[in-house]
Amino acid sequence: MRYSQEMNVKIEVKNRRQLLYNKMRRFGEILSQKETIAYIIVGTLTTGVNLTAYYWFYNISGISNLVSNAFAWIVAMLFAYYANAKYVFKPTKKGLVGELLQMSKFFTARFLSFLVEEAAMFVFVDILCVNSMLIKAIMNVVVVIINYFFSKWLVFNDSKKRGMSWKLKRNIESSNYQSN
């Protein structure tokens, strides 16, 4: 009886190790995609634009924390839309109506992530008196991650270009990994 329990534990450990290996392999595949690398570069540049604009509005111009954050967000959002559309996701041309729809999705998604950032800036800087640039930098990382998923799956998701919906593609990929 004890031998079979030990074997079950060894099999369970082996299965967990294989699952971890598969997840790490998938993460490596995601990071090696050109789109992901381009997004990391554009996200880094957007973060630089955002931090520079915030620093200028807050520390040099003397504008209040939340207003400075809002102005910096507007500057960074305009830069991010252009850079993501041109260099990262490269959506197919959709005409004026399609472009306006895409822009409205982009601005809506970015506004939601802005609200997350604005709430954090208010709590940590205005209430808890934590260093504004530190919180701004941390929140930029959080916002870049949120915005990637919004951009990838909502804003620049061109189902004709990709050939299938992302949910279907994800389900197919996960079933392939489970069978391996």
N, C-alpha and C. Protein backbone atom coordinates (compact mmCIF):
# COMPACT_ATOMS: atom_id res chain seq x y z
N MET A 1 0.83 -1.20 0.00
CA MET A 1 0.00 0.00 0.00
C MET A 1 0.87 1.26 0.00
N ARG A 2 1.88 1.25 0.82
CA ARG A 2 2.76 2.42 0.91
C ARG A 2 3.48 2.66 -0.41
N TYR A 3 3.87 1.58 -1.08
CA TYR A 3 4.57 1.70 -2.37
C TYR A 3 3.68 2.39 -3.40
N SER A 4 2.39 2.05 -3.45
CA SER A 4 1.49 2.67 -4.44
C SER A 4 1.26 4.15 -4.11
N GLN A 5 1.23 4.49 -2.83
CA GLN A 5 1.09 5.90 -2.47
C GLN A 5 2.31 6.70 -2.90
N GLU A 6 3.48 6.12 -2.71
CA GLU A 6 4.71 6.79 -3.16
C GLU A 6 4.73 6.96 -4.66
N MET A 7 4.26 5.95 -5.38
CA MET A 7 4.21 6.03 -6.84
C MET A 7 3.22 7.12 -7.28
N ASN A 8 2.08 7.21 -6.61
CA ASN A 8 1.09 8.24 -6.93
C ASN A 8 1.66 9.64 -6.70
N VAL A 9 2.41 9.81 -5.63
CA VAL A 9 3.04 11.09 -5.34
C VAL A 9 4.06 11.42 -6.42
N LYS A 10 4.87 10.44 -6.81
CA LYS A 10 5.87 10.66 -7.86
C LYS A 10 5.21 11.02 -9.18
N ILE A 11 4.13 10.35 -9.51
CA ILE A 11 3.41 10.64 -10.75
C ILE A 11 2.83 12.05 -10.69
N GLU A 12 2.25 12.41 -9.55
CA GLU A 12 1.68 13.75 -9.38
C GLU A 12 2.76 14.83 -9.53
N VAL A 13 3.91 14.61 -8.92
CA VAL A 13 5.02 15.56 -9.03
C VAL A 13 5.46 15.66 -10.48
N LYS A 14 5.56 14.56 -11.16
CA LYS A 14 5.96 14.55 -12.57
C LYS A 14 4.95 15.31 -13.43
N ASN A 15 3.65 15.09 -13.17
CA ASN A 15 2.61 15.80 -13.92
C ASN A 15 2.66 17.30 -13.68
N ARG A 16 2.88 17.70 -12.44
CA ARG A 16 2.97 19.13 -12.13
C ARG A 16 4.21 19.76 -12.77
N ARG A 17 5.29 19.03 -12.76
CA ARG A 17 6.52 19.51 -13.40
C ARG A 17 6.30 19.70 -14.90
N GLN A 18 5.62 18.74 -15.53
CA GLN A 18 5.33 18.84 -16.97
C GLN A 18 4.41 20.02 -17.26
N LEU A 19 3.41 20.22 -16.42
CA LEU A 19 2.50 21.35 -16.58
C LEU A 19 3.24 22.67 -16.46
N LEU A 20 4.11 22.78 -15.46
CA LEU A 20 4.91 23.98 -15.30
C LEU A 20 5.82 24.20 -16.50
N TYR A 21 6.43 23.13 -16.98
CA TYR A 21 7.29 23.23 -18.16
C TYR A 21 6.49 23.73 -19.36
N ASN A 22 5.29 23.19 -19.57
CA ASN A 22 4.45 23.62 -20.70
C ASN A 22 4.07 25.08 -20.58
N LYS A 23 3.75 25.53 -19.38
CA LYS A 23 3.39 26.94 -19.18
C LYS A 23 4.59 27.86 -19.43
N MET A 24 5.75 27.45 -18.96
CA MET A 24 6.96 28.25 -19.19
C MET A 24 7.31 28.29 -20.68
N ARG A 25 7.14 27.17 -21.37
CA ARG A 25 7.39 27.12 -22.81
C ARG A 25 6.44 28.05 -23.55
N ARG A 26 5.16 28.03 -23.17
CA ARG A 26 4.17 28.90 -23.81
C ARG A 26 4.50 30.37 -23.54
N PHE A 27 4.91 30.69 -22.32
CA PHE A 27 5.29 32.06 -21.98
C PHE A 27 6.48 32.49 -22.84
N GLY A 28 7.45 31.61 -23.02
CA GLY A 28 8.59 31.91 -23.88
C GLY A 28 8.18 32.13 -25.32
N GLU A 29 7.23 31.35 -25.80
CA GLU A 29 6.73 31.52 -27.17
C GLU A 29 6.04 32.88 -27.32
N ILE A 30 5.27 33.27 -26.33
CA ILE A 30 4.58 34.56 -26.38
C ILE A 30 5.60 35.70 -26.41
N LEU A 31 6.62 35.60 -25.55
CA LEU A 31 7.63 36.67 -25.50
C LEU A 31 8.45 36.75 -26.79
N SER A 32 8.57 35.65 -27.49
CA SER A 32 9.39 35.67 -28.70
C SER A 32 8.63 36.13 -29.94
N GLN A 33 7.35 36.36 -29.84
CA GLN A 33 6.58 36.84 -30.98
C GLN A 33 6.94 38.29 -31.28
N LYS A 34 7.01 38.59 -32.57
CA LYS A 34 7.37 39.96 -32.98
C LYS A 34 6.40 40.99 -32.41
N GLU A 35 5.12 40.65 -32.39
CA GLU A 35 4.12 41.58 -31.89
C GLU A 35 4.37 41.91 -30.42
N THR A 36 4.70 40.90 -29.63
CA THR A 36 4.95 41.12 -28.20
C THR A 36 6.18 41.98 -27.99
N ILE A 37 7.23 41.70 -28.74
CA ILE A 37 8.46 42.50 -28.62
C ILE A 37 8.18 43.94 -29.02
N ALA A 38 7.45 44.13 -30.13
CA ALA A 38 7.11 45.48 -30.57
C ALA A 38 6.26 46.19 -29.51
N TYR A 39 5.33 45.46 -28.88
CA TYR A 39 4.49 46.07 -27.86
C TYR A 39 5.31 46.47 -26.64
N ILE A 40 6.27 45.65 -26.28
CA ILE A 40 7.13 45.99 -25.14
C ILE A 40 7.92 47.26 -25.43
N ILE A 41 8.43 47.38 -26.65
CA ILE A 41 9.17 48.58 -27.03
C ILE A 41 8.26 49.80 -27.03
N VAL A 42 7.09 49.69 -27.67
CA VAL A 42 6.15 50.81 -27.72
C VAL A 42 5.64 51.13 -26.31
N GLY A 43 5.39 50.10 -25.51
CA GLY A 43 4.94 50.33 -24.13
C GLY A 43 5.99 51.05 -23.31
N THR A 44 7.25 50.70 -23.52
CA THR A 44 8.34 51.38 -22.82
C THR A 44 8.42 52.84 -23.25
N LEU A 45 8.32 53.08 -24.54
CA LEU A 45 8.34 54.47 -25.03
C LEU A 45 7.14 55.26 -24.52
N THR A 46 5.96 54.62 -24.51
CA THR A 46 4.76 55.28 -24.00
C THR A 46 4.92 55.61 -22.52
N THR A 47 5.51 54.68 -21.77
CA THR A 47 5.78 54.93 -20.36
C THR A 47 6.71 56.12 -20.18
N GLY A 48 7.73 56.20 -21.03
CA GLY A 48 8.65 57.34 -21.00
C GLY A 48 7.94 58.65 -21.28
N VAL A 49 7.06 58.64 -22.29
CA VAL A 49 6.28 59.84 -22.61
C VAL A 49 5.40 60.22 -21.41
N ASN A 50 4.74 59.22 -20.83
CA ASN A 50 3.85 59.46 -19.70
C ASN A 50 4.60 60.01 -18.50
N LEU A 51 5.71 59.38 -18.14
CA LEU A 51 6.48 59.84 -16.98
C LEU A 51 7.06 61.23 -17.20
N THR A 52 7.57 61.49 -18.39
CA THR A 52 8.14 62.80 -18.70
C THR A 52 7.07 63.88 -18.63
N ALA A 53 5.92 63.61 -19.24
CA ALA A 53 4.83 64.60 -19.23
C ALA A 53 4.34 64.83 -17.80
N TYR A 54 4.19 63.76 -17.03
CA TYR A 54 3.75 63.91 -15.63
C TYR A 54 4.77 64.72 -14.84
N TYR A 55 6.04 64.39 -14.99
CA TYR A 55 7.08 65.12 -14.27
C TYR A 55 7.02 66.61 -14.62
N TRP A 56 6.87 66.90 -15.89
CA TRP A 56 6.83 68.29 -16.33
C TRP A 56 5.61 69.02 -15.77
N PHE A 57 4.43 68.39 -15.90
CA PHE A 57 3.21 69.03 -15.39
C PHE A 57 3.23 69.18 -13.87
N TYR A 58 3.65 68.15 -13.15
CA TYR A 58 3.56 68.14 -11.69
C TYR A 58 4.71 68.89 -11.03
N ASN A 59 5.93 68.56 -11.42
CA ASN A 59 7.09 69.13 -10.73
C ASN A 59 7.55 70.47 -11.28
N ILE A 60 7.44 70.68 -12.55
CA ILE A 60 7.93 71.93 -13.15
C ILE A 60 6.82 72.97 -13.24
N SER A 61 5.64 72.55 -13.74
CA SER A 61 4.54 73.51 -13.89
C SER A 61 3.76 73.73 -12.61
N GLY A 62 3.89 72.80 -11.65
CA GLY A 62 3.20 72.97 -10.38
C GLY A 62 1.72 72.66 -10.42
N ILE A 63 1.29 71.91 -11.41
CA ILE A 63 -0.12 71.52 -11.51
C ILE A 63 -0.37 70.38 -10.53
N SER A 64 -1.57 70.30 -9.99
CA SER A 64 -1.88 69.28 -8.97
C SER A 64 -1.66 67.86 -9.51
N ASN A 65 -1.51 66.92 -8.58
CA ASN A 65 -1.19 65.53 -8.90
C ASN A 65 -2.16 64.91 -9.91
N LEU A 66 -3.46 64.93 -9.62
CA LEU A 66 -4.42 64.24 -10.48
C LEU A 66 -4.60 64.93 -11.82
N VAL A 67 -4.54 66.25 -11.84
CA VAL A 67 -4.64 66.98 -13.12
C VAL A 67 -3.39 66.72 -13.95
N SER A 68 -2.23 66.70 -13.33
CA SER A 68 -0.99 66.38 -14.04
C SER A 68 -1.04 64.97 -14.62
N ASN A 69 -1.57 64.06 -13.83
CA ASN A 69 -1.71 62.68 -14.29
C ASN A 69 -2.65 62.60 -15.49
N ALA A 70 -3.74 63.35 -15.45
CA ALA A 70 -4.69 63.36 -16.56
C ALA A 70 -4.06 63.94 -17.83
N PHE A 71 -3.34 65.04 -17.71
CA PHE A 71 -2.67 65.63 -18.87
C PHE A 71 -1.62 64.67 -19.44
N ALA A 72 -0.85 64.06 -18.57
CA ALA A 72 0.17 63.11 -19.01
C ALA A 72 -0.48 61.92 -19.71
N TRP A 73 -1.60 61.48 -19.20
CA TRP A 73 -2.33 60.37 -19.81
C TRP A 73 -2.79 60.72 -21.23
N ILE A 74 -3.29 61.93 -21.42
CA ILE A 74 -3.75 62.35 -22.75
C ILE A 74 -2.58 62.34 -23.74
N VAL A 75 -1.46 62.90 -23.35
CA VAL A 75 -0.28 62.93 -24.22
C VAL A 75 0.18 61.51 -24.55
N ALA A 76 0.28 60.67 -23.52
CA ALA A 76 0.74 59.29 -23.72
C ALA A 76 -0.26 58.48 -24.54
N MET A 77 -1.55 58.71 -24.34
CA MET A 77 -2.58 57.96 -25.08
C MET A 77 -2.52 58.27 -26.57
N LEU A 78 -2.34 59.53 -26.91
CA LEU A 78 -2.24 59.89 -28.32
C LEU A 78 -1.01 59.25 -28.97
N PHE A 79 0.10 59.29 -28.27
CA PHE A 79 1.31 58.63 -28.76
C PHE A 79 1.08 57.13 -28.90
N ALA A 80 0.48 56.52 -27.89
CA ALA A 80 0.28 55.07 -27.88
C ALA A 80 -0.64 54.61 -29.01
N TYR A 81 -1.70 55.37 -29.29
CA TYR A 81 -2.61 54.95 -30.37
C TYR A 81 -1.87 54.91 -31.69
N TYR A 82 -1.17 55.97 -31.99
CA TYR A 82 -0.44 56.02 -33.25
C TYR A 82 0.62 54.91 -33.33
N ALA A 83 1.40 54.75 -32.28
CA ALA A 83 2.49 53.76 -32.30
C ALA A 83 1.96 52.33 -32.34
N ASN A 84 0.91 52.03 -31.59
CA ASN A 84 0.35 50.68 -31.60
C ASN A 84 -0.27 50.34 -32.95
N ALA A 85 -0.98 51.31 -33.53
CA ALA A 85 -1.61 51.06 -34.82
C ALA A 85 -0.56 50.91 -35.93
N LYS A 86 0.49 51.69 -35.86
CA LYS A 86 1.48 51.68 -36.94
C LYS A 86 2.52 50.57 -36.79
N TYR A 87 3.00 50.32 -35.58
CA TYR A 87 4.16 49.44 -35.41
C TYR A 87 3.87 48.10 -34.73
N VAL A 88 2.76 47.99 -34.00
CA VAL A 88 2.54 46.75 -33.23
C VAL A 88 1.47 45.88 -33.86
N PHE A 89 0.24 46.35 -33.86
CA PHE A 89 -0.87 45.49 -34.27
C PHE A 89 -1.17 45.58 -35.76
N LYS A 90 -0.81 46.66 -36.39
CA LYS A 90 -0.96 46.86 -37.83
C LYS A 90 -2.31 46.37 -38.36
N PRO A 91 -3.39 47.00 -37.90
CA PRO A 91 -4.72 46.56 -38.34
C PRO A 91 -4.94 46.83 -39.82
N THR A 92 -5.83 46.05 -40.42
CA THR A 92 -6.16 46.27 -41.83
C THR A 92 -6.92 47.58 -41.95
N LYS A 93 -6.82 48.21 -43.11
CA LYS A 93 -7.52 49.47 -43.35
C LYS A 93 -9.02 49.22 -43.37
N LYS A 94 -9.76 50.07 -42.65
CA LYS A 94 -11.19 49.86 -42.48
C LYS A 94 -12.03 51.04 -42.95
N GLY A 95 -11.42 52.04 -43.52
CA GLY A 95 -12.16 53.22 -43.90
C GLY A 95 -12.37 54.13 -42.70
N LEU A 96 -13.01 55.24 -42.94
CA LEU A 96 -13.20 56.25 -41.90
C LEU A 96 -14.04 55.73 -40.73
N VAL A 97 -15.15 55.08 -41.04
CA VAL A 97 -16.02 54.57 -39.97
C VAL A 97 -15.29 53.51 -39.14
N GLY A 98 -14.58 52.60 -39.79
CA GLY A 98 -13.83 51.58 -39.07
C GLY A 98 -12.73 52.17 -38.21
N GLU A 99 -12.05 53.18 -38.75
CA GLU A 99 -10.99 53.84 -37.99
C GLU A 99 -11.56 54.55 -36.77
N LEU A 100 -12.69 55.24 -36.94
CA LEU A 100 -13.32 55.93 -35.81
C LEU A 100 -13.80 54.93 -34.75
N LEU A 101 -14.34 53.79 -35.19
CA LEU A 101 -14.76 52.76 -34.25
C LEU A 101 -13.56 52.21 -33.47
N GLN A 102 -12.48 51.96 -34.18
CA GLN A 102 -11.26 51.46 -33.54
C GLN A 102 -10.71 52.48 -32.55
N MET A 103 -10.70 53.74 -32.95
CA MET A 103 -10.21 54.80 -32.05
C MET A 103 -11.09 54.89 -30.80
N SER A 104 -12.41 54.79 -30.99
CA SER A 104 -13.29 54.89 -29.82
C SER A 104 -13.08 53.71 -28.88
N LYS A 105 -12.85 52.51 -29.42
CA LYS A 105 -12.53 51.35 -28.57
C LYS A 105 -11.22 51.59 -27.82
N PHE A 106 -10.23 52.10 -28.54
CA PHE A 106 -8.92 52.36 -27.94
C PHE A 106 -9.04 53.36 -26.79
N PHE A 107 -9.71 54.49 -27.06
CA PHE A 107 -9.82 55.53 -26.05
C PHE A 107 -10.66 55.06 -24.86
N THR A 108 -11.71 54.27 -25.10
CA THR A 108 -12.53 53.74 -24.01
C THR A 108 -11.72 52.78 -23.14
N ALA A 109 -10.99 51.87 -23.79
CA ALA A 109 -10.16 50.92 -23.03
C ALA A 109 -9.09 51.66 -22.23
N ARG A 110 -8.44 52.63 -22.86
CA ARG A 110 -7.41 53.40 -22.17
C ARG A 110 -8.00 54.23 -21.03
N PHE A 111 -9.22 54.70 -21.21
CA PHE A 111 -9.85 55.47 -20.14
C PHE A 111 -10.09 54.58 -18.92
N LEU A 112 -10.47 53.32 -19.15
CA LEU A 112 -10.67 52.40 -18.02
C LEU A 112 -9.37 52.16 -17.27
N SER A 113 -8.28 51.95 -18.01
CA SER A 113 -6.99 51.76 -17.32
C SER A 113 -6.53 53.07 -16.67
N PHE A 114 -6.88 54.20 -17.26
CA PHE A 114 -6.57 55.49 -16.64
C PHE A 114 -7.27 55.64 -15.29
N LEU A 115 -8.51 55.19 -15.21
CA LEU A 115 -9.24 55.27 -13.94
C LEU A 115 -8.55 54.45 -12.85
N VAL A 116 -8.03 53.28 -13.24
CA VAL A 116 -7.27 52.46 -12.29
C VAL A 116 -6.05 53.23 -11.80
N GLU A 117 -5.32 53.82 -12.76
CA GLU A 117 -4.12 54.58 -12.41
C GLU A 117 -4.46 55.81 -11.57
N GLU A 118 -5.49 56.50 -11.94
CA GLU A 118 -5.88 57.73 -11.23
C GLU A 118 -6.27 57.40 -9.79
N ALA A 119 -6.99 56.30 -9.59
CA ALA A 119 -7.37 55.88 -8.23
C ALA A 119 -6.12 55.57 -7.41
N ALA A 120 -5.18 54.85 -8.01
CA ALA A 120 -3.94 54.52 -7.29
C ALA A 120 -3.14 55.78 -6.96
N MET A 121 -3.06 56.71 -7.91
CA MET A 121 -2.33 57.95 -7.66
C MET A 121 -2.98 58.73 -6.52
N PHE A 122 -4.30 58.77 -6.50
CA PHE A 122 -5.00 59.48 -5.44
C PHE A 122 -4.71 58.85 -4.08
N VAL A 123 -4.87 57.52 -4.01
CA VAL A 123 -4.70 56.83 -2.73
C VAL A 123 -3.26 56.93 -2.25
N PHE A 124 -2.30 56.59 -3.13
CA PHE A 124 -0.91 56.50 -2.67
C PHE A 124 -0.22 57.85 -2.55
N VAL A 125 -0.51 58.78 -3.45
CA VAL A 125 0.19 60.07 -3.41
C VAL A 125 -0.55 61.08 -2.54
N ASP A 126 -1.85 61.26 -2.80
CA ASP A 126 -2.58 62.30 -2.08
C ASP A 126 -2.96 61.90 -0.66
N ILE A 127 -3.27 60.63 -0.43
CA ILE A 127 -3.70 60.22 0.91
C ILE A 127 -2.53 59.67 1.73
N LEU A 128 -1.75 58.73 1.13
CA LEU A 128 -0.68 58.08 1.89
C LEU A 128 0.67 58.78 1.76
N CYS A 129 0.76 59.79 0.92
CA CYS A 129 1.97 60.61 0.74
C CYS A 129 3.20 59.79 0.33
N VAL A 130 3.00 58.82 -0.55
CA VAL A 130 4.12 58.06 -1.11
C VAL A 130 4.69 58.87 -2.27
N ASN A 131 5.98 58.70 -2.56
CA ASN A 131 6.64 59.42 -3.63
C ASN A 131 5.86 59.30 -4.94
N SER A 132 5.52 60.42 -5.54
CA SER A 132 4.66 60.43 -6.73
C SER A 132 5.30 59.73 -7.94
N MET A 133 6.60 59.94 -8.16
CA MET A 133 7.25 59.32 -9.31
C MET A 133 7.37 57.81 -9.14
N LEU A 134 7.55 57.33 -7.93
CA LEU A 134 7.61 55.90 -7.67
C LEU A 134 6.27 55.24 -7.99
N ILE A 135 5.20 55.81 -7.48
CA ILE A 135 3.87 55.26 -7.74
C ILE A 135 3.52 55.37 -9.21
N LYS A 136 3.88 56.48 -9.82
CA LYS A 136 3.62 56.67 -11.25
C LYS A 136 4.33 55.59 -12.06
N ALA A 137 5.57 55.29 -11.74
CA ALA A 137 6.33 54.25 -12.46
C ALA A 137 5.70 52.87 -12.25
N ILE A 138 5.35 52.55 -11.02
CA ILE A 138 4.73 51.24 -10.74
C ILE A 138 3.40 51.12 -11.47
N MET A 139 2.61 52.15 -11.43
CA MET A 139 1.30 52.10 -12.09
C MET A 139 1.44 52.04 -13.61
N ASN A 140 2.51 52.60 -14.15
CA ASN A 140 2.73 52.49 -15.58
C ASN A 140 2.93 51.04 -15.99
N VAL A 141 3.63 50.27 -15.20
CA VAL A 141 3.82 48.85 -15.50
C VAL A 141 2.47 48.13 -15.48
N VAL A 142 1.68 48.39 -14.44
CA VAL A 142 0.35 47.77 -14.34
C VAL A 142 -0.51 48.17 -15.53
N VAL A 143 -0.50 49.43 -15.88
CA VAL A 143 -1.33 49.93 -16.98
C VAL A 143 -0.87 49.37 -18.32
N VAL A 144 0.42 49.22 -18.53
CA VAL A 144 0.91 48.64 -19.80
C VAL A 144 0.39 47.22 -19.96
N ILE A 145 0.38 46.46 -18.90
CA ILE A 145 -0.13 45.09 -18.96
C ILE A 145 -1.63 45.08 -19.25
N ILE A 146 -2.38 45.90 -18.55
CA ILE A 146 -3.83 45.99 -18.79
C ILE A 146 -4.09 46.42 -20.23
N ASN A 147 -3.36 47.43 -20.69
CA ASN A 147 -3.60 47.96 -22.03
C ASN A 147 -3.23 46.97 -23.12
N TYR A 148 -2.23 46.13 -22.87
CA TYR A 148 -1.87 45.12 -23.88
C TYR A 148 -3.07 44.22 -24.15
N PHE A 149 -3.69 43.74 -23.09
CA PHE A 149 -4.83 42.84 -23.28
C PHE A 149 -6.01 43.56 -23.93
N PHE A 150 -6.27 44.78 -23.52
CA PHE A 150 -7.32 45.56 -24.19
C PHE A 150 -7.02 45.73 -25.67
N SER A 151 -5.79 46.12 -26.00
CA SER A 151 -5.43 46.36 -27.39
C SER A 151 -5.46 45.08 -28.21
N LYS A 152 -4.92 44.02 -27.66
CA LYS A 152 -4.81 42.76 -28.38
C LYS A 152 -6.18 42.15 -28.65
N TRP A 153 -7.04 42.14 -27.65
CA TRP A 153 -8.29 41.39 -27.78
C TRP A 153 -9.51 42.24 -28.07
N LEU A 154 -9.44 43.53 -27.86
CA LEU A 154 -10.62 44.36 -28.07
C LEU A 154 -10.42 45.39 -29.18
N VAL A 155 -9.36 46.16 -29.11
CA VAL A 155 -9.20 47.30 -29.99
C VAL A 155 -8.73 46.89 -31.38
N PHE A 156 -7.60 46.22 -31.45
CA PHE A 156 -7.00 45.89 -32.75
C PHE A 156 -7.28 44.45 -33.16
N ASN A 157 -8.28 43.83 -32.57
CA ASN A 157 -8.62 42.46 -32.89
C ASN A 157 -9.35 42.43 -34.22
N ASP A 158 -8.68 41.97 -35.24
CA ASP A 158 -9.25 41.87 -36.57
C ASP A 158 -9.47 40.39 -36.84
N SER A 159 -10.70 39.89 -36.59
CA SER A 159 -10.96 38.46 -36.69
C SER A 159 -10.74 37.93 -38.11
N LYS A 160 -10.96 38.75 -39.13
CA LYS A 160 -10.70 38.29 -40.50
C LYS A 160 -9.21 38.11 -40.72
N LYS A 161 -8.43 39.03 -40.19
CA LYS A 161 -6.98 38.96 -40.35
C LYS A 161 -6.40 37.76 -39.60
N ARG A 162 -6.93 37.49 -38.43
CA ARG A 162 -6.41 36.38 -37.63
C ARG A 162 -7.03 35.05 -38.01
N GLY A 163 -8.16 35.07 -38.71
CA GLY A 163 -8.75 33.84 -39.19
C GLY A 163 -9.74 33.20 -38.24
N MET A 164 -9.70 33.52 -36.98
CA MET A 164 -10.65 32.98 -36.02
C MET A 164 -10.65 33.85 -34.78
N SER A 165 -11.68 33.70 -33.99
CA SER A 165 -11.75 34.50 -32.78
C SER A 165 -10.67 34.06 -31.81
N TRP A 166 -10.25 34.97 -30.95
CA TRP A 166 -9.18 34.66 -30.01
C TRP A 166 -9.60 33.59 -29.02
N LYS A 167 -10.90 33.55 -28.64
CA LYS A 167 -11.34 32.53 -27.70
C LYS A 167 -11.22 31.15 -28.33
N LEU A 168 -11.65 31.02 -29.59
CA LEU A 168 -11.54 29.75 -30.27
C LEU A 168 -10.08 29.34 -30.42
N LYS A 169 -9.24 30.27 -30.83
CA LYS A 169 -7.82 29.99 -30.99
C LYS A 169 -7.21 29.57 -29.66
N ARG A 170 -7.55 30.26 -28.58
CA ARG A 170 -7.02 29.92 -27.26
C ARG A 170 -7.46 28.53 -26.84
N ASN A 171 -8.73 28.19 -27.10
CA ASN A 171 -9.22 26.86 -26.74
C ASN A 171 -8.51 25.76 -27.52
N ILE A 172 -8.26 26.01 -28.79
CA ILE A 172 -7.55 25.04 -29.61
C ILE A 172 -6.12 24.86 -29.09
N GLU A 173 -5.44 25.97 -28.80
CA GLU A 173 -4.08 25.90 -28.30
C GLU A 173 -4.02 25.18 -26.96
N SER A 174 -4.95 25.47 -26.07
CA SER A 174 -4.91 24.82 -24.76
C SER A 174 -5.21 23.34 -24.87
N SER A 175 -6.07 22.94 -25.79
CA SER A 175 -6.33 21.51 -25.95
C SER A 175 -5.12 20.81 -26.55
N ASN A 176 -4.35 21.50 -27.41
CA ASN A 176 -3.13 20.92 -27.96
C ASN A 176 -2.10 20.71 -26.86
N TYR A 177 -1.98 21.65 -25.93
CA TYR A 177 -1.01 21.52 -24.86
C TYR A 177 -1.40 20.42 -23.88
N GLN A 178 -2.69 20.27 -23.67
CA GLN A 178 -3.14 19.23 -22.75
C GLN A 178 -2.90 17.84 -23.32
N SER A 179 -2.97 17.72 -24.64
CA SER A 179 -2.78 16.40 -25.24
C SER A 179 -1.30 16.03 -25.34
N ASN A 180 -0.41 17.02 -25.25
CA ASN A 180 1.04 16.72 -25.34
C ASN A 180 1.60 16.17 -24.08
